[in-house]
């Protein structure tokens, strides 16, 4: 299909530790491969990503390497475990760093770098929180410019409290998760191809200028 999918695995673990989130990501990678979509998986903790809200926090910051991969992909999937009912601190840091892309808008249209990309979410954990993680993650992605197709979150959640997670609990056989990961992959691929062939024409710079005029006219 000529499309590239990028998965950001926001596990708290560093390689080579086994990641339950990566296990579900790998299933999506396989499904993408079956329909001709190339995939790359980045484990964020394997990079020295500094705290901040810009695209480059200076010497030693390896976020720019990840950001270049994000800008080059057609499909962006955020993978996160659930900790204390919310997404991981690594996933939160990713969004804080993506805030810097607002300052890199296109000079003609004002569109942000993530315009023209579709996005989804993969979540694993052994307690409640999957809906919260998906809701906030997908909402943040659309604000950054991504298009969010229908049914693009796939998750596995085990019993509340400590216990076996996706791999140990046999999550690979869970019907709901296997269904949603297929929905996610096919909808992301379809909409990514649609956007590639039909770029979003919205000129944010013109609309902002128009909004400024109306806002100024409302004050005496």
C-alpha atoms as a PDB file:
ATOM      1  CA  UNK A   1       0.000   0.000   0.000  1.00  0.00           C
ATOM      2  CA  UNK A   2       3.051   2.272   0.202  1.00  0.00           C
ATOM      3  CA  UNK A   3       2.260   3.176   3.816  1.00  0.00           C
ATOM      4  CA  UNK A   4       4.498   3.290   6.892  1.00  0.00           C
ATOM      5  CA  UNK A   5       3.236   2.649  10.414  1.00  0.00           C
ATOM      6  CA  UNK A   6       5.193   3.766  13.468  1.00  0.00           C
ATOM      7  CA  UNK A   7       4.502   2.314  16.909  1.00  0.00           C
ATOM      8  CA  UNK A   8       5.786   4.123  19.989  1.00  0.00           C
ATOM      9  CA  UNK A   9       5.987   1.577  22.784  1.00  0.00           C
ATOM     10  CA  UNK A  10       5.676   3.622  25.970  1.00  0.00           C
ATOM     11  CA  UNK A  11       6.449   0.782  28.353  1.00  0.00           C
ATOM     12  CA  UNK A  12       8.393   1.731  31.472  1.00  0.00           C
ATOM     13  CA  UNK A  13      10.805  -1.138  30.779  1.00  0.00           C
ATOM     14  CA  UNK A  14      14.060  -0.855  28.872  1.00  0.00           C
ATOM     15  CA  UNK A  15      15.246  -3.412  26.337  1.00  0.00           C
ATOM     16  CA  UNK A  16      15.712  -6.337  26.533  1.00  0.00           C
ATOM     17  CA  UNK A  17      13.045  -6.657  29.245  1.00  0.00           C
ATOM     18  CA  UNK A  18       9.866  -8.334  28.018  1.00  0.00           C
ATOM     19  CA  UNK A  19       7.062  -5.861  27.366  1.00  0.00           C
ATOM     20  CA  UNK A  20       3.412  -6.906  27.433  1.00  0.00           C
ATOM     21  CA  UNK A  21       2.539  -3.825  25.409  1.00  0.00           C
ATOM     22  CA  UNK A  22       5.086  -4.883  22.776  1.00  0.00           C
ATOM     23  CA  UNK A  23       3.427  -8.300  22.539  1.00  0.00           C
ATOM     24  CA  UNK A  24       0.125  -6.723  21.464  1.00  0.00           C
ATOM     25  CA  UNK A  25       1.973  -4.269  19.212  1.00  0.00           C
ATOM     26  CA  UNK A  26       3.636  -7.227  17.484  1.00  0.00           C
ATOM     27  CA  UNK A  27       0.225  -8.658  16.651  1.00  0.00           C
ATOM     28  CA  UNK A  28      -0.747  -5.367  14.986  1.00  0.00           C
ATOM     29  CA  UNK A  29       2.586  -5.318  13.121  1.00  0.00           C
ATOM     30  CA  UNK A  30       1.864  -8.787  11.758  1.00  0.00           C
ATOM     31  CA  UNK A  31      -1.632  -7.769  10.651  1.00  0.00           C
ATOM     32  CA  UNK A  32      -0.292  -4.626   8.968  1.00  0.00           C
ATOM     33  CA  UNK A  33       2.242  -6.769   7.123  1.00  0.00           C
ATOM     34  CA  UNK A  34      -0.537  -8.970   5.778  1.00  0.00           C
ATOM     35  CA  UNK A  35      -2.066  -5.956   3.998  1.00  0.00           C
ATOM     36  CA  UNK A  36       1.207  -4.489   2.776  1.00  0.00           C
ATOM     37  CA  UNK A  37       1.871  -1.827   5.420  1.00  0.00           C
ATOM     38  CA  UNK A  38       5.479  -1.498   6.630  1.00  0.00           C
ATOM     39  CA  UNK A  39       5.926  -1.088  10.391  1.00  0.00           C
ATOM     40  CA  UNK A  40       8.599   0.146  12.779  1.00  0.00           C
ATOM     41  CA  UNK A  41       8.477  -0.147  16.562  1.00  0.00           C
ATOM     42  CA  UNK A  42      10.313   2.323  18.811  1.00  0.00           C
ATOM     43  CA  UNK A  43      10.689   1.639  22.519  1.00  0.00           C
ATOM     44  CA  UNK A  44      10.894   5.168  23.882  1.00  0.00           C
ATOM     45  CA  UNK A  45      12.846   4.164  27.005  1.00  0.00           C
ATOM     46  CA  UNK A  46      15.714   2.999  24.789  1.00  0.00           C
ATOM     47  CA  UNK A  47      16.329   6.661  23.916  1.00  0.00           C
ATOM     48  CA  UNK A  48      17.522   9.500  26.119  1.00  0.00           C
ATOM     49  CA  UNK A  49      14.379  11.612  25.933  1.00  0.00           C
ATOM     50  CA  UNK A  50      14.600  14.722  28.073  1.00  0.00           C
ATOM     51  CA  UNK A  51      11.687  16.393  29.805  1.00  0.00           C
ATOM     52  CA  UNK A  52      10.326  19.488  28.104  1.00  0.00           C
ATOM     53  CA  UNK A  53       7.779  20.852  25.658  1.00  0.00           C
ATOM     54  CA  UNK A  54       9.979  21.685  22.688  1.00  0.00           C
ATOM     55  CA  UNK A  55      11.139  19.552  19.762  1.00  0.00           C
ATOM     56  CA  UNK A  56      14.759  19.728  20.895  1.00  0.00           C
ATOM     57  CA  UNK A  57      15.828  20.194  24.503  1.00  0.00           C
ATOM     58  CA  UNK A  58      19.500  20.532  23.702  1.00  0.00           C
ATOM     59  CA  UNK A  59      22.670  18.479  24.045  1.00  0.00           C
ATOM     60  CA  UNK A  60      22.073  14.789  24.653  1.00  0.00           C
ATOM     61  CA  UNK A  61      18.357  14.888  23.863  1.00  0.00           C
ATOM     62  CA  UNK A  62      17.422  12.001  21.558  1.00  0.00           C
ATOM     63  CA  UNK A  63      13.777  13.006  21.093  1.00  0.00           C
ATOM     64  CA  UNK A  64      14.596  14.627  17.704  1.00  0.00           C
ATOM     65  CA  UNK A  65      15.489  11.147  16.385  1.00  0.00           C
ATOM     66  CA  UNK A  66      12.055   9.837  17.332  1.00  0.00           C
ATOM     67  CA  UNK A  67      10.336  12.964  16.043  1.00  0.00           C
ATOM     68  CA  UNK A  68      11.872  12.494  12.592  1.00  0.00           C
ATOM     69  CA  UNK A  69      10.375   8.998  12.479  1.00  0.00           C
ATOM     70  CA  UNK A  70       6.983  10.420  13.503  1.00  0.00           C
ATOM     71  CA  UNK A  71       7.114  13.027  10.752  1.00  0.00           C
ATOM     72  CA  UNK A  72       7.999  10.362   8.173  1.00  0.00           C
ATOM     73  CA  UNK A  73       5.193   7.915   9.017  1.00  0.00           C
ATOM     74  CA  UNK A  74       1.636   7.731   7.687  1.00  0.00           C
ATOM     75  CA  UNK A  75       0.208   5.870  10.686  1.00  0.00           C
ATOM     76  CA  UNK A  76       1.132   6.607  14.310  1.00  0.00           C
ATOM     77  CA  UNK A  77       0.144   4.198  17.088  1.00  0.00           C
ATOM     78  CA  UNK A  78       0.825   4.972  20.732  1.00  0.00           C
ATOM     79  CA  UNK A  79       1.240   1.852  22.857  1.00  0.00           C
ATOM     80  CA  UNK A  80       0.975   2.274  26.613  1.00  0.00           C
ATOM     81  CA  UNK A  81       0.577   0.160  29.722  1.00  0.00           C
ATOM     82  CA  UNK A  82      -1.837   1.275  32.428  1.00  0.00           C
ATOM     83  CA  UNK A  83      -0.313   2.523  35.696  1.00  0.00           C
ATOM     84  CA  UNK A  84      -2.496   3.822  38.537  1.00  0.00           C
ATOM     85  CA  UNK A  85      -5.444   3.870  36.134  1.00  0.00           C
ATOM     86  CA  UNK A  86      -3.839   6.184  33.565  1.00  0.00           C
ATOM     87  CA  UNK A  87      -1.306   5.989  30.723  1.00  0.00           C
ATOM     88  CA  UNK A  88       2.353   5.549  31.554  1.00  0.00           C
ATOM     89  CA  UNK A  89       4.615   8.470  32.444  1.00  0.00           C
ATOM     90  CA  UNK A  90       6.553   7.689  29.263  1.00  0.00           C
ATOM     91  CA  UNK A  91       3.422   8.159  27.141  1.00  0.00           C
ATOM     92  CA  UNK A  92       2.679  11.419  28.945  1.00  0.00           C
ATOM     93  CA  UNK A  93       6.214  12.605  28.247  1.00  0.00           C
ATOM     94  CA  UNK A  94       5.761  11.788  24.546  1.00  0.00           C
ATOM     95  CA  UNK A  95       2.771  14.120  24.366  1.00  0.00           C
ATOM     96  CA  UNK A  96       4.576  16.833  26.301  1.00  0.00           C
ATOM     97  CA  UNK A  97       7.379  16.680  23.740  1.00  0.00           C
ATOM     98  CA  UNK A  98       4.923  16.604  20.816  1.00  0.00           C
ATOM     99  CA  UNK A  99       3.655  19.955  22.082  1.00  0.00           C
ATOM    100  CA  UNK A 100       6.704  21.403  20.358  1.00  0.00           C
ATOM    101  CA  UNK A 101       5.290  20.526  16.937  1.00  0.00           C
ATOM    102  CA  UNK A 102       2.754  23.343  17.268  1.00  0.00           C
ATOM    103  CA  UNK A 103       5.703  25.671  16.596  1.00  0.00           C
ATOM    104  CA  UNK A 104       6.599  23.861  13.356  1.00  0.00           C
ATOM    105  CA  UNK A 105       3.487  24.590  11.316  1.00  0.00           C
ATOM    106  CA  UNK A 106       3.555  24.734   7.532  1.00  0.00           C
ATOM    107  CA  UNK A 107       4.454  28.219   6.297  1.00  0.00           C
ATOM    108  CA  UNK A 108       1.626  28.284   3.744  1.00  0.00           C
ATOM    109  CA  UNK A 109      -1.272  26.486   5.445  1.00  0.00           C
ATOM    110  CA  UNK A 110      -0.336  26.673   9.118  1.00  0.00           C
ATOM    111  CA  UNK A 111      -0.987  22.942   9.423  1.00  0.00           C
ATOM    112  CA  UNK A 112       0.947  21.131  12.159  1.00  0.00           C
ATOM    113  CA  UNK A 113       3.438  18.377  11.225  1.00  0.00           C
ATOM    114  CA  UNK A 114       1.023  15.619  12.280  1.00  0.00           C
ATOM    115  CA  UNK A 115      -1.640  16.742   9.793  1.00  0.00           C
ATOM    116  CA  UNK A 116      -2.179  14.068   7.157  1.00  0.00           C
ATOM    117  CA  UNK A 117      -1.406  11.217   9.552  1.00  0.00           C
ATOM    118  CA  UNK A 118      -3.859   8.796  11.131  1.00  0.00           C
ATOM    119  CA  UNK A 119      -3.412   7.540  14.664  1.00  0.00           C
ATOM    120  CA  UNK A 120      -4.512   4.843  17.069  1.00  0.00           C
ATOM    121  CA  UNK A 121      -3.775   3.419  20.520  1.00  0.00           C
ATOM    122  CA  UNK A 122      -2.766   0.054  21.970  1.00  0.00           C
ATOM    123  CA  UNK A 123      -3.148  -0.459  25.726  1.00  0.00           C
ATOM    124  CA  UNK A 124      -2.353  -3.272  28.142  1.00  0.00           C
ATOM    125  CA  UNK A 125      -2.670  -3.601  31.896  1.00  0.00           C
ATOM    126  CA  UNK A 126      -4.024  -5.644  34.773  1.00  0.00           C
ATOM    127  CA  UNK A 127      -6.384  -3.051  36.164  1.00  0.00           C
ATOM    128  CA  UNK A 128      -9.086  -0.641  34.996  1.00  0.00           C
ATOM    129  CA  UNK A 129      -8.146   2.395  32.922  1.00  0.00           C
ATOM    130  CA  UNK A 130      -8.141   1.352  29.258  1.00  0.00           C
ATOM    131  CA  UNK A 131     -10.993   3.692  28.325  1.00  0.00           C
ATOM    132  CA  UNK A 132      -9.349   6.623  30.092  1.00  0.00           C
ATOM    133  CA  UNK A 133      -6.006   5.996  28.389  1.00  0.00           C
ATOM    134  CA  UNK A 134      -7.615   5.620  24.959  1.00  0.00           C
ATOM    135  CA  UNK A 135      -9.837   8.679  25.384  1.00  0.00           C
ATOM    136  CA  UNK A 136      -7.040  11.021  26.430  1.00  0.00           C
ATOM    137  CA  UNK A 137      -4.502   9.619  23.986  1.00  0.00           C
ATOM    138  CA  UNK A 138      -6.753   9.798  20.935  1.00  0.00           C
ATOM    139  CA  UNK A 139      -8.019  13.250  21.933  1.00  0.00           C
ATOM    140  CA  UNK A 140      -4.455  14.545  22.273  1.00  0.00           C
ATOM    141  CA  UNK A 141      -3.507  13.056  18.910  1.00  0.00           C
ATOM    142  CA  UNK A 142      -6.369  14.762  17.096  1.00  0.00           C
ATOM    143  CA  UNK A 143      -5.421  18.117  18.661  1.00  0.00           C
ATOM    144  CA  UNK A 144      -1.908  17.658  17.313  1.00  0.00           C
ATOM    145  CA  UNK A 145      -3.338  17.237  13.816  1.00  0.00           C
ATOM    146  CA  UNK A 146      -3.858  13.482  13.448  1.00  0.00           C
ATOM    147  CA  UNK A 147      -7.019  12.030  11.974  1.00  0.00           C
ATOM    148  CA  UNK A 148      -8.703   9.457  14.230  1.00  0.00           C
ATOM    149  CA  UNK A 149     -10.726   6.856  12.283  1.00  0.00           C
ATOM    150  CA  UNK A 150     -13.404   4.748  14.002  1.00  0.00           C
ATOM    151  CA  UNK A 151     -12.414   1.783  16.185  1.00  0.00           C
ATOM    152  CA  UNK A 152      -8.684   2.508  16.406  1.00  0.00           C
ATOM    153  CA  UNK A 153      -8.032   1.513  20.015  1.00  0.00           C
ATOM    154  CA  UNK A 154      -7.178  -2.052  20.981  1.00  0.00           C
ATOM    155  CA  UNK A 155      -6.638  -3.086  24.566  1.00  0.00           C
ATOM    156  CA  UNK A 156      -6.304  -5.973  26.955  1.00  0.00           C
ATOM    157  CA  UNK A 157      -7.081  -5.557  30.642  1.00  0.00           C
ATOM    158  CA  UNK A 158      -6.785  -8.284  33.266  1.00  0.00           C
ATOM    159  CA  UNK A 159      -8.254  -8.450  36.775  1.00  0.00           C
ATOM    160  CA  UNK A 160      -7.798  -5.468  39.085  1.00  0.00           C
ATOM    161  CA  UNK A 161      -4.686  -5.387  41.197  1.00  0.00           C
ATOM    162  CA  UNK A 162      -1.283  -7.044  40.762  1.00  0.00           C
ATOM    163  CA  UNK A 163      -1.201 -10.160  38.660  1.00  0.00           C
ATOM    164  CA  UNK A 164      -0.292 -11.636  35.291  1.00  0.00           C
ATOM    165  CA  UNK A 165      -0.587  -9.292  32.324  1.00  0.00           C
ATOM    166  CA  UNK A 166      -1.155  -9.821  28.603  1.00  0.00           C
ATOM    167  CA  UNK A 167       1.536 -12.434  27.949  1.00  0.00           C
ATOM    168  CA  UNK A 168       1.310 -14.489  31.144  1.00  0.00           C
ATOM    169  CA  UNK A 169      -2.494 -14.424  31.226  1.00  0.00           C
ATOM    170  CA  UNK A 170      -2.869 -15.695  27.655  1.00  0.00           C
ATOM    171  CA  UNK A 171      -4.163 -12.408  26.300  1.00  0.00           C
ATOM    172  CA  UNK A 172      -3.213 -13.442  22.773  1.00  0.00           C
ATOM    173  CA  UNK A 173      -6.322 -15.653  22.796  1.00  0.00           C
ATOM    174  CA  UNK A 174      -8.708 -12.961  24.037  1.00  0.00           C
ATOM    175  CA  UNK A 175     -11.498 -12.528  21.493  1.00  0.00           C
ATOM    176  CA  UNK A 176     -12.292  -8.867  22.166  1.00  0.00           C
ATOM    177  CA  UNK A 177      -8.651  -7.838  21.870  1.00  0.00           C
ATOM    178  CA  UNK A 178      -8.154  -9.902  18.709  1.00  0.00           C
ATOM    179  CA  UNK A 179     -11.254  -8.305  17.225  1.00  0.00           C
ATOM    180  CA  UNK A 180     -10.335  -4.723  18.066  1.00  0.00           C
ATOM    181  CA  UNK A 181      -6.732  -5.005  16.879  1.00  0.00           C
ATOM    182  CA  UNK A 182      -8.042  -6.102  13.474  1.00  0.00           C
ATOM    183  CA  UNK A 183     -10.541  -3.243  13.363  1.00  0.00           C
ATOM    184  CA  UNK A 184      -7.756  -0.834  14.266  1.00  0.00           C
ATOM    185  CA  UNK A 185      -5.289  -2.065  11.641  1.00  0.00           C
ATOM    186  CA  UNK A 186      -7.727  -2.082   8.740  1.00  0.00           C
ATOM    187  CA  UNK A 187      -9.344   1.262   9.559  1.00  0.00           C
ATOM    188  CA  UNK A 188      -5.971   2.943  10.041  1.00  0.00           C
ATOM    189  CA  UNK A 189      -4.703   1.592   6.722  1.00  0.00           C
ATOM    190  CA  UNK A 190      -7.840   2.644   4.834  1.00  0.00           C
ATOM    191  CA  UNK A 191      -7.887   6.190   6.187  1.00  0.00           C
ATOM    192  CA  UNK A 192      -4.126   6.599   5.796  1.00  0.00           C
ATOM    193  CA  UNK A 193      -4.431   5.751   2.096  1.00  0.00           C
ATOM    194  CA  UNK A 194      -7.450   8.056   1.816  1.00  0.00           C
ATOM    195  CA  UNK A 195      -5.538  10.974   3.340  1.00  0.00           C
ATOM    196  CA  UNK A 196      -2.445  10.289   1.267  1.00  0.00           C
ATOM    197  CA  UNK A 197      -4.531  10.519  -1.899  1.00  0.00           C
ATOM    198  CA  UNK A 198      -6.651  13.412  -0.604  1.00  0.00           C
ATOM    199  CA  UNK A 199      -4.617  15.763   1.612  1.00  0.00           C
ATOM    200  CA  UNK A 200      -6.558  17.926   4.059  1.00  0.00           C
ATOM    201  CA  UNK A 201      -6.975  21.340   2.355  1.00  0.00           C
ATOM    202  CA  UNK A 202      -7.782  23.388   5.467  1.00  0.00           C
ATOM    203  CA  UNK A 203      -5.710  26.568   5.677  1.00  0.00           C
ATOM    204  CA  UNK A 204      -5.277  27.203   9.392  1.00  0.00           C
ATOM    205  CA  UNK A 205      -3.416  30.471   8.867  1.00  0.00           C
ATOM    206  CA  UNK A 206      -6.318  32.009   6.955  1.00  0.00           C
ATOM    207  CA  UNK A 207      -8.862  30.738   9.469  1.00  0.00           C
ATOM    208  CA  UNK A 208      -6.806  32.091  12.370  1.00  0.00           C
ATOM    209  CA  UNK A 209      -6.591  35.513  10.720  1.00  0.00           C
ATOM    210  CA  UNK A 210     -10.349  35.481  10.219  1.00  0.00           C
ATOM    211  CA  UNK A 211     -10.883  34.531  13.876  1.00  0.00           C
ATOM    212  CA  UNK A 212      -8.636  37.392  14.993  1.00  0.00           C
ATOM    213  CA  UNK A 213     -10.718  39.873  12.998  1.00  0.00           C
ATOM    214  CA  UNK A 214     -13.959  38.645  14.533  1.00  0.00           C
ATOM    215  CA  UNK A 215     -12.499  38.577  18.039  1.00  0.00           C
ATOM    216  CA  UNK A 216     -11.153  42.117  17.775  1.00  0.00           C
ATOM    217  CA  UNK A 217     -14.465  43.408  16.477  1.00  0.00           C
ATOM    218  CA  UNK A 218     -16.234  42.137  19.601  1.00  0.00           C
ATOM    219  CA  UNK A 219     -14.329  44.599  21.828  1.00  0.00           C
ATOM    220  CA  UNK A 220     -15.151  48.335  21.999  1.00  0.00           C
END
